[in-house]
Amino acid sequence: MTEPSLSECPMCGSPRLYKDGLRYLAGAEPVQRRLCRDCGYRFSEKKPLQENSHWQINTAGHSTSGRQVCDLAEESKNLDAETGQLHSAGESQTDQATIKGKIVQFSVWLKMQGYPDETVAVRTGNLTRLVRLGVNISDPETVKETLSRQTWKDSYKMLLCYAYESFMKMENLKWIRPRYTQGESYPFIPTEQEIDQLIAATSKKISTFLQGLKDTGADPGELVKLRWIDINKETRTLNITPIKGHNPRVSKVSEQFINMLERLPKTSEAIFKNYDNLKNAFFWQRKRIAEKFSNPRLRKISFTTFRHWKGTMEYHRTKDLLYVKKILGHKTIQNTLKYIDLEAAIFETVDDQWTAKVASDVKEATTLIEAGFEYVTGDYIDGGKIFRKRK
């Protein structure tokens, strides 16, 4: 006869529990593992190892006092392999159920530490990829060895290291991160014709998302959070909720984007919902479109490419770095400086006889006129007015 299954977390008393695989013990039936969704505490349901044995709760990353120790060496080895505790180099790897539980626990821990959902998803996915490569996440040396064999860019290896470093922090352990460096490179900037080809040839929802990226220059993570209440159809503006430390802003959009939004069903508060599904569908459609138009350059266009294109084009149009910074929501001007070099590389002919500025309202326009600027033109998508004066 066995005791009933635990329905509450022994640590915090929460009934919100995950099933977290099975724990196999020598000489006993499998035991159901549980993971608390609130505090991240991991434990097993109470089961007897064998007849007349003691009841036990097994926890990963917590004390296991009261655990029965078997006299047989082989049985002790098997029990140790199933505890989920971290092993030193050379010991057997943890079983798949324990690894899966560790990844779930890692995701919960990141949320409890206050990381945004985007960071939680990326770091959990990167840790999962390390596991799929055959890494023993209990042994930091296997992580270094596996990464050293890969042909990836150092920048991507750095992201994997950041994820594993967070995992080690969760386990209250330390490791020495490999010395990978972030390579400096300029992003790919397509032509407007290539961007419009993708917008015209993709599905209804994806083409709407791409048009929004083109009009606003928003980060993809910002636009995917767009809700119906964030849209003002009369003024053709969007309220952009920032991520990655960007500034909040109101972006002007084209009438074409508003019309494309009207075609989408209003089945929920969010417009685009699942970002991963949207991105995966875009990758498949982009491949098909690139083959259809026999243009391999289209396969180099990602969601982020639209933001870089917007920054480059706006700087070419206005030569106003502060205006580009405002459009893109950058916190510091350092992040905007690269568009000077991008614009110079793409547009060889540059007219240095004039200084141009953009005014977003009457107050800014008045200030520019007082400084000697003259009105040139306006009524662009973003609603700005361009002024200039000779150098």
Protein backbone atom coordinates (compact mmCIF):
# COMPACT_ATOMS: atom_id res chain seq x y z
CA MET A 1 0.00 0.00 0.00
CA THR A 2 1.32 3.43 -0.92
CA GLU A 3 0.57 6.93 0.30
CA PRO A 4 -1.57 9.16 -1.94
CA SER A 5 0.09 11.48 -4.47
CA LEU A 6 1.11 14.92 -3.32
CA SER A 7 -1.32 17.57 -4.59
CA GLU A 8 0.50 20.56 -3.07
CA CYS A 9 4.08 21.76 -3.09
CA PRO A 10 5.86 20.72 0.15
CA MET A 11 7.81 24.00 0.06
CA CYS A 12 5.19 26.71 -0.59
CA GLY A 13 1.90 24.80 -0.51
CA SER A 14 0.93 25.80 -4.06
CA PRO A 15 -1.37 23.38 -5.94
CA ARG A 16 0.04 24.60 -9.30
CA LEU A 17 2.24 21.63 -10.19
CA TYR A 18 3.78 20.30 -13.40
CA LYS A 19 4.27 16.63 -14.12
CA ASP A 20 8.03 16.40 -14.61
CA GLY A 21 8.76 12.92 -15.91
CA LEU A 22 9.36 9.71 -14.00
CA ARG A 23 12.07 8.79 -11.52
CA TYR A 24 13.28 5.20 -11.80
CA LEU A 25 14.63 3.52 -8.67
CA ALA A 26 16.37 0.17 -8.39
CA GLY A 27 14.01 -2.50 -7.07
CA ALA A 28 10.93 -0.24 -7.15
CA GLU A 29 8.21 1.01 -9.45
CA PRO A 30 8.68 4.38 -11.29
CA VAL A 31 7.91 7.47 -9.24
CA GLN A 32 6.12 10.53 -10.64
CA ARG A 33 8.16 13.74 -10.45
CA ARG A 34 6.51 17.11 -9.82
CA LEU A 35 7.68 20.72 -10.33
CA CYS A 36 6.06 23.69 -8.57
CA ARG A 37 5.11 26.41 -11.05
CA ASP A 38 5.27 29.09 -8.34
CA CYS A 39 8.51 28.50 -6.44
CA GLY A 40 10.36 26.10 -8.79
CA TYR A 41 10.70 23.41 -6.09
CA ARG A 42 11.08 19.94 -7.56
CA PHE A 43 10.11 16.74 -5.75
CA SER A 44 8.83 13.19 -6.21
CA GLU A 45 5.63 11.60 -5.04
CA LYS A 46 5.98 9.33 -2.03
CA LYS A 47 6.63 5.71 -3.02
CA PRO A 48 8.34 2.79 -1.21
CA LEU A 49 11.65 1.60 -2.65
CA GLN A 50 10.78 -1.95 -1.66
CA GLU A 51 8.86 -3.77 1.02
CA ASN A 52 9.41 -2.37 4.57
CA SER A 53 11.49 0.53 3.22
CA HIS A 54 11.13 4.15 4.32
CA TRP A 55 9.07 6.82 2.50
CA GLN A 56 11.04 9.59 0.84
CA ILE A 57 10.79 12.86 -1.09
CA ASN A 58 13.51 13.51 -3.65
CA THR A 59 14.37 17.10 -4.51
CA ALA A 60 16.68 18.46 -7.19
CA GLY A 61 18.93 21.24 -5.95
CA HIS A 62 17.64 20.85 -2.35
CA SER A 63 18.53 18.76 0.70
CA THR A 64 17.63 15.01 0.55
CA SER A 65 18.08 14.19 4.22
CA GLY A 66 16.29 11.00 5.26
CA ARG A 67 17.07 9.25 1.97
CA GLN A 68 17.67 5.53 2.35
CA VAL A 69 21.21 4.44 1.37
CA CYS A 70 21.54 1.06 -0.28
CA ASP A 71 24.42 -1.19 0.70
CA LEU A 72 24.89 -2.53 -2.80
CA ALA A 73 27.39 -0.49 -4.81
CA GLU A 74 25.61 -0.93 -8.11
CA GLU A 75 22.24 0.11 -6.64
CA SER A 76 23.83 3.16 -5.01
CA LYS A 77 25.27 4.15 -8.38
CA ASN A 78 21.86 3.90 -10.03
CA LEU A 79 20.16 5.87 -7.30
CA ASP A 80 22.75 8.61 -7.55
CA ALA A 81 22.28 8.83 -11.30
CA GLU A 82 18.57 9.40 -10.82
CA THR A 83 18.64 12.12 -8.15
CA GLY A 84 19.14 14.95 -10.59
CA GLN A 85 22.04 16.30 -8.53
CA LEU A 86 24.95 17.88 -10.40
CA HIS A 87 27.90 15.56 -10.99
CA SER A 88 31.54 16.39 -11.40
CA ALA A 89 33.40 15.70 -14.67
CA GLY A 90 33.65 12.01 -15.47
CA GLU A 91 30.44 10.92 -13.71
CA SER A 92 27.42 9.63 -15.63
CA GLN A 93 25.05 12.13 -17.23
CA THR A 94 21.64 12.79 -15.75
CA ASP A 95 18.70 11.02 -17.38
CA GLN A 96 16.46 12.70 -19.94
CA ALA A 97 13.56 13.25 -17.53
CA THR A 98 15.86 15.03 -15.08
CA ILE A 99 17.31 17.20 -17.85
CA LYS A 100 13.83 18.14 -19.03
CA GLY A 101 12.89 19.03 -15.47
CA LYS A 102 16.00 21.17 -15.11
CA ILE A 103 15.11 23.12 -18.25
CA VAL A 104 11.56 23.73 -17.00
CA GLN A 105 12.96 24.76 -13.62
CA PHE A 106 15.39 27.10 -15.40
CA SER A 107 12.56 28.78 -17.30
CA VAL A 108 10.58 29.30 -14.09
CA TRP A 109 13.67 30.62 -12.30
CA LEU A 110 14.33 33.20 -15.04
CA LYS A 111 10.78 34.50 -14.72
CA MET A 112 11.11 34.70 -10.95
CA GLN A 113 14.30 36.76 -11.42
CA GLY A 114 12.33 39.33 -13.41
CA TYR A 115 13.70 38.62 -16.89
CA PRO A 116 11.35 39.66 -19.73
CA ASP A 117 9.50 36.94 -21.61
CA GLU A 118 11.71 37.40 -24.69
CA THR A 119 14.86 36.75 -22.67
CA VAL A 120 13.29 33.75 -20.93
CA ALA A 121 12.36 32.20 -24.27
CA VAL A 122 15.77 32.82 -25.85
CA ARG A 123 17.87 31.55 -22.93
CA THR A 124 15.65 28.51 -22.38
CA GLY A 125 15.88 27.70 -26.09
CA ASN A 126 19.66 28.11 -26.08
CA LEU A 127 20.05 25.81 -23.07
CA THR A 128 17.83 23.27 -24.84
CA ARG A 129 20.04 23.45 -27.90
CA LEU A 130 23.12 22.73 -25.81
CA VAL A 131 21.39 19.63 -24.45
CA ARG A 132 20.51 18.49 -27.98
CA LEU A 133 24.16 18.79 -28.92
CA GLY A 134 24.92 16.15 -26.30
CA VAL A 135 26.20 18.51 -23.62
CA ASN A 136 26.09 17.34 -20.02
CA ILE A 137 24.75 20.52 -18.41
CA SER A 138 26.05 19.27 -15.08
CA ASP A 139 29.63 19.50 -16.40
CA PRO A 140 30.84 22.96 -17.57
CA GLU A 141 33.84 21.43 -19.34
CA THR A 142 31.60 19.55 -21.78
CA VAL A 143 29.95 22.86 -22.68
CA LYS A 144 33.31 24.42 -23.55
CA GLU A 145 34.40 21.36 -25.48
CA THR A 146 31.18 21.19 -27.51
CA LEU A 147 31.21 24.91 -28.38
CA SER A 148 34.87 24.72 -29.45
CA ARG A 149 33.95 22.12 -32.11
CA GLN A 150 31.20 24.22 -33.66
CA THR A 151 31.74 26.45 -36.70
CA TRP A 152 29.25 29.10 -35.54
CA LYS A 153 30.09 32.76 -35.19
CA ASP A 154 31.54 33.84 -31.86
CA SER A 155 28.55 36.12 -31.33
CA TYR A 156 26.17 33.13 -31.34
CA LYS A 157 28.45 31.14 -29.06
CA MET A 158 28.36 34.09 -26.66
CA LEU A 159 24.55 33.86 -26.50
CA LEU A 160 24.76 30.17 -25.63
CA CYS A 161 27.33 30.96 -22.94
CA TYR A 162 25.07 33.63 -21.44
CA ALA A 163 22.24 31.08 -21.20
CA TYR A 164 24.47 28.50 -19.54
CA GLU A 165 25.90 31.12 -17.20
CA SER A 166 22.37 31.90 -16.00
CA PHE A 167 21.80 28.18 -15.47
CA MET A 168 24.95 27.94 -13.35
CA LYS A 169 23.78 30.93 -11.33
CA MET A 170 20.49 29.14 -10.66
CA GLU A 171 22.47 26.14 -9.37
CA ASN A 172 24.69 28.43 -7.23
CA LEU A 173 27.75 27.22 -9.12
CA LYS A 174 30.52 29.04 -10.95
CA TRP A 175 32.35 28.54 -14.22
CA ILE A 176 34.86 30.45 -16.33
CA ARG A 177 33.17 31.61 -19.53
CA PRO A 178 35.16 31.08 -22.77
CA ARG A 179 36.64 34.20 -24.35
CA TYR A 180 34.35 34.73 -27.33
CA THR A 181 34.13 38.25 -28.78
CA GLN A 182 31.34 40.07 -30.57
CA GLY A 183 32.37 40.59 -34.19
CA GLU A 184 31.68 44.01 -35.67
CA SER A 185 29.75 43.94 -38.95
CA TYR A 186 27.18 46.07 -40.74
CA PRO A 187 23.70 44.66 -41.32
CA PHE A 188 22.41 43.78 -44.77
CA ILE A 189 20.34 46.58 -46.30
CA PRO A 190 18.02 45.51 -49.16
CA THR A 191 16.41 47.75 -51.74
CA GLU A 192 12.88 49.03 -51.24
CA GLN A 193 11.81 47.00 -54.27
CA GLU A 194 12.99 43.79 -52.58
CA ILE A 195 11.15 44.68 -49.39
CA ASP A 196 7.96 45.37 -51.32
CA GLN A 197 8.31 42.03 -53.12
CA LEU A 198 8.25 40.20 -49.82
CA ILE A 199 5.30 42.23 -48.55
CA ALA A 200 3.31 41.54 -51.71
CA ALA A 201 4.06 37.80 -51.93
CA THR A 202 3.68 36.65 -48.30
CA SER A 203 0.47 35.60 -46.55
CA LYS A 204 -2.08 38.11 -45.27
CA LYS A 205 -0.91 38.26 -41.64
CA ILE A 206 2.81 38.18 -42.43
CA SER A 207 2.54 40.84 -45.13
CA THR A 208 0.70 43.09 -42.63
CA PHE A 209 3.44 42.51 -40.06
CA LEU A 210 6.15 43.32 -42.64
CA GLN A 211 4.37 46.51 -43.71
CA GLY A 212 4.21 47.58 -40.07
CA LEU A 213 7.96 46.97 -39.69
CA LYS A 214 8.63 49.01 -42.81
CA ASP A 215 6.49 51.96 -41.71
CA THR A 216 7.61 52.18 -38.08
CA GLY A 217 11.14 50.76 -37.96
CA ALA A 218 10.07 49.06 -34.72
CA ASP A 219 11.86 46.09 -33.24
CA PRO A 220 9.96 42.89 -34.20
CA GLY A 221 9.43 42.15 -30.51
CA GLU A 222 7.77 45.54 -30.12
CA LEU A 223 5.42 45.19 -33.08
CA VAL A 224 4.34 41.66 -32.13
CA LYS A 225 3.02 43.10 -28.84
CA LEU A 226 0.74 45.47 -30.74
CA ARG A 227 -2.88 45.40 -29.58
CA TRP A 228 -5.97 46.70 -31.32
CA ILE A 229 -6.35 49.42 -28.68
CA ASP A 230 -2.85 50.72 -29.53
CA ILE A 231 -4.03 51.82 -32.99
CA ASN A 232 -5.54 55.22 -33.77
CA LYS A 233 -7.04 54.91 -37.24
CA GLU A 234 -7.98 58.59 -37.50
CA THR A 235 -4.44 59.87 -36.96
CA ARG A 236 -2.81 56.70 -38.40
CA THR A 237 -0.56 56.26 -35.37
CA LEU A 238 0.60 53.32 -33.25
CA ASN A 239 1.60 53.32 -29.59
CA ILE A 240 4.84 51.33 -29.48
CA THR A 241 5.51 49.46 -26.22
CA PRO A 242 9.32 49.31 -25.94
CA ILE A 243 11.59 46.32 -25.29
CA LYS A 244 15.38 45.96 -24.92
CA GLY A 245 15.63 49.29 -23.13
CA HIS A 246 14.15 51.32 -26.01
CA ASN A 247 12.09 54.47 -25.51
CA PRO A 248 8.28 54.37 -25.82
CA ARG A 249 7.03 56.27 -28.83
CA VAL A 250 4.12 56.99 -31.14
CA SER A 251 4.80 56.06 -34.77
CA LYS A 252 3.03 57.30 -37.85
CA VAL A 253 2.04 54.59 -40.35
CA SER A 254 0.79 54.52 -43.91
CA GLU A 255 -2.82 54.21 -44.93
CA GLN A 256 -1.86 50.95 -46.63
CA PHE A 257 -0.93 49.43 -43.26
CA ILE A 258 -4.23 50.54 -41.71
CA ASN A 259 -6.14 48.95 -44.61
CA MET A 260 -4.15 45.73 -44.22
CA LEU A 261 -5.02 45.63 -40.51
CA GLU A 262 -8.70 45.91 -41.40
CA ARG A 263 -8.47 42.60 -43.25
CA LEU A 264 -7.25 40.69 -40.19
CA PRO A 265 -9.78 38.96 -37.89
CA LYS A 266 -10.24 40.47 -34.44
CA THR A 267 -10.30 37.26 -32.44
CA SER A 268 -8.25 38.47 -29.48
CA GLU A 269 -6.78 41.58 -27.87
CA ALA A 270 -3.41 40.96 -29.55
CA ILE A 271 -3.06 41.33 -33.31
CA PHE A 272 -0.16 39.03 -34.19
CA LYS A 273 -0.02 36.73 -31.12
CA ASN A 274 2.67 34.02 -31.35
CA TYR A 275 6.01 35.45 -32.51
CA ASP A 276 7.73 32.09 -33.08
CA ASN A 277 4.96 30.83 -35.36
CA LEU A 278 5.04 34.10 -37.28
CA LYS A 279 8.81 33.94 -37.73
CA ASN A 280 8.86 30.28 -38.81
CA ALA A 281 6.12 30.84 -41.37
CA PHE A 282 8.01 33.87 -42.72
CA PHE A 283 11.21 31.83 -43.17
CA TRP A 284 9.40 29.21 -45.25
CA GLN A 285 7.57 31.78 -47.37
CA ARG A 286 10.74 33.84 -47.85
CA LYS A 287 12.53 30.79 -49.25
CA ARG A 288 9.71 30.15 -51.72
CA ILE A 289 9.61 33.80 -52.83
CA ALA A 290 13.39 33.94 -53.29
CA GLU A 291 13.20 30.93 -55.60
CA LYS A 292 10.20 32.36 -57.45
CA PHE A 293 11.96 35.66 -58.21
CA SER A 294 15.41 34.01 -58.59
CA ASN A 295 16.77 36.51 -56.08
CA PRO A 296 18.89 34.91 -53.31
CA ARG A 297 19.23 38.33 -51.65
CA LEU A 298 15.66 37.96 -50.40
CA ARG A 299 16.74 35.10 -48.12
CA LYS A 300 19.02 37.52 -46.26
CA ILE A 301 16.07 39.66 -45.19
CA SER A 302 14.89 39.06 -41.63
CA PHE A 303 12.40 40.90 -39.44
CA THR A 304 15.24 43.00 -37.97
CA THR A 305 16.39 43.96 -41.48
CA PHE A 306 13.36 46.23 -41.81
CA ARG A 307 14.49 48.24 -38.78
CA HIS A 308 17.99 48.71 -40.21
CA TRP A 309 16.51 49.68 -43.58
CA LYS A 310 14.24 52.27 -41.93
CA GLY A 311 17.12 53.84 -39.99
CA THR A 312 19.32 54.05 -43.09
CA MET A 313 16.60 55.52 -45.31
CA GLU A 314 15.51 58.08 -42.72
CA TYR A 315 19.06 59.29 -42.24
CA HIS A 316 19.54 59.55 -46.01
CA ARG A 317 16.33 61.55 -46.30
CA THR A 318 16.97 63.94 -43.42
CA LYS A 319 20.67 63.75 -42.43
CA ASP A 320 19.28 64.30 -38.91
CA LEU A 321 20.79 61.74 -36.53
CA LEU A 322 18.68 62.85 -33.56
CA TYR A 323 15.53 62.38 -35.61
CA VAL A 324 16.57 58.82 -36.55
CA LYS A 325 17.31 58.14 -32.88
CA LYS A 326 13.80 59.28 -32.00
CA ILE A 327 12.16 57.18 -34.73
CA LEU A 328 13.98 54.00 -33.68
CA GLY A 329 13.55 54.62 -29.95
CA HIS A 330 17.25 54.39 -29.11
CA LYS A 331 18.26 55.38 -25.58
CA THR A 332 21.68 56.68 -26.63
CA ILE A 333 23.02 58.22 -29.82
CA GLN A 334 25.80 55.60 -29.92
CA ASN A 335 23.33 53.02 -31.23
CA THR A 336 22.32 55.36 -34.05
CA LEU A 337 25.79 56.34 -35.30
CA LYS A 338 26.14 53.24 -37.49
CA TYR A 339 23.50 54.58 -39.88
CA ILE A 340 25.89 57.33 -40.95
CA ASP A 341 28.29 54.75 -42.36
CA LEU A 342 25.50 52.60 -43.76
CA GLU A 343 23.99 55.54 -45.62
CA ALA A 344 27.39 56.61 -46.96
CA ALA A 345 28.12 53.09 -48.21
CA ILE A 346 24.78 52.67 -49.98
CA PHE A 347 24.42 56.18 -51.42
CA GLU A 348 27.70 57.25 -52.98
CA THR A 349 26.58 60.75 -53.97
CA VAL A 350 26.14 62.92 -50.90
CA ASP A 351 25.25 66.61 -51.04
CA ASP A 352 27.20 68.29 -48.24
CA GLN A 353 26.07 71.82 -49.13
CA TRP A 354 23.01 71.70 -46.90
CA THR A 355 22.16 70.84 -43.29
CA ALA A 356 18.72 69.24 -42.97
CA LYS A 357 16.48 68.94 -39.91
CA VAL A 358 13.05 67.42 -39.31
CA ALA A 359 10.32 69.11 -37.26
CA SER A 360 7.59 66.93 -35.76
CA ASP A 361 5.39 69.78 -34.50
CA VAL A 362 4.89 73.55 -34.64
CA LYS A 363 7.25 74.21 -31.72
CA GLU A 364 10.17 72.41 -33.40
CA ALA A 365 9.41 74.10 -36.73
CA THR A 366 9.44 77.52 -35.08
CA THR A 367 12.78 76.79 -33.44
CA LEU A 368 14.32 75.76 -36.77
CA ILE A 369 13.04 78.84 -38.58
CA GLU A 370 14.50 81.03 -35.84
CA ALA A 371 17.82 79.24 -36.36
CA GLY A 372 17.84 80.16 -40.07
CA PHE A 373 16.36 77.00 -41.57
CA GLU A 374 13.92 77.14 -44.47
CA TYR A 375 10.97 74.83 -45.12
CA VAL A 376 11.51 72.25 -47.87
CA THR A 377 8.74 69.67 -47.85
CA GLY A 378 6.65 67.44 -45.59
CA ASP A 379 3.64 65.11 -45.36
CA TYR A 380 5.70 61.93 -45.16
CA ILE A 381 4.39 58.80 -43.46
CA ASP A 382 5.75 59.93 -40.11
CA GLY A 383 4.25 63.41 -40.51
CA GLY A 384 7.56 65.26 -40.18
CA LYS A 385 8.42 68.50 -42.01
CA ILE A 386 11.89 68.92 -43.50
CA PHE A 387 13.85 72.17 -43.15
CA ARG A 388 17.30 73.03 -44.47
CA LYS A 389 19.95 75.74 -44.45
CA ARG A 390 23.32 76.13 -46.17
CA LYS A 391 26.44 75.17 -44.30
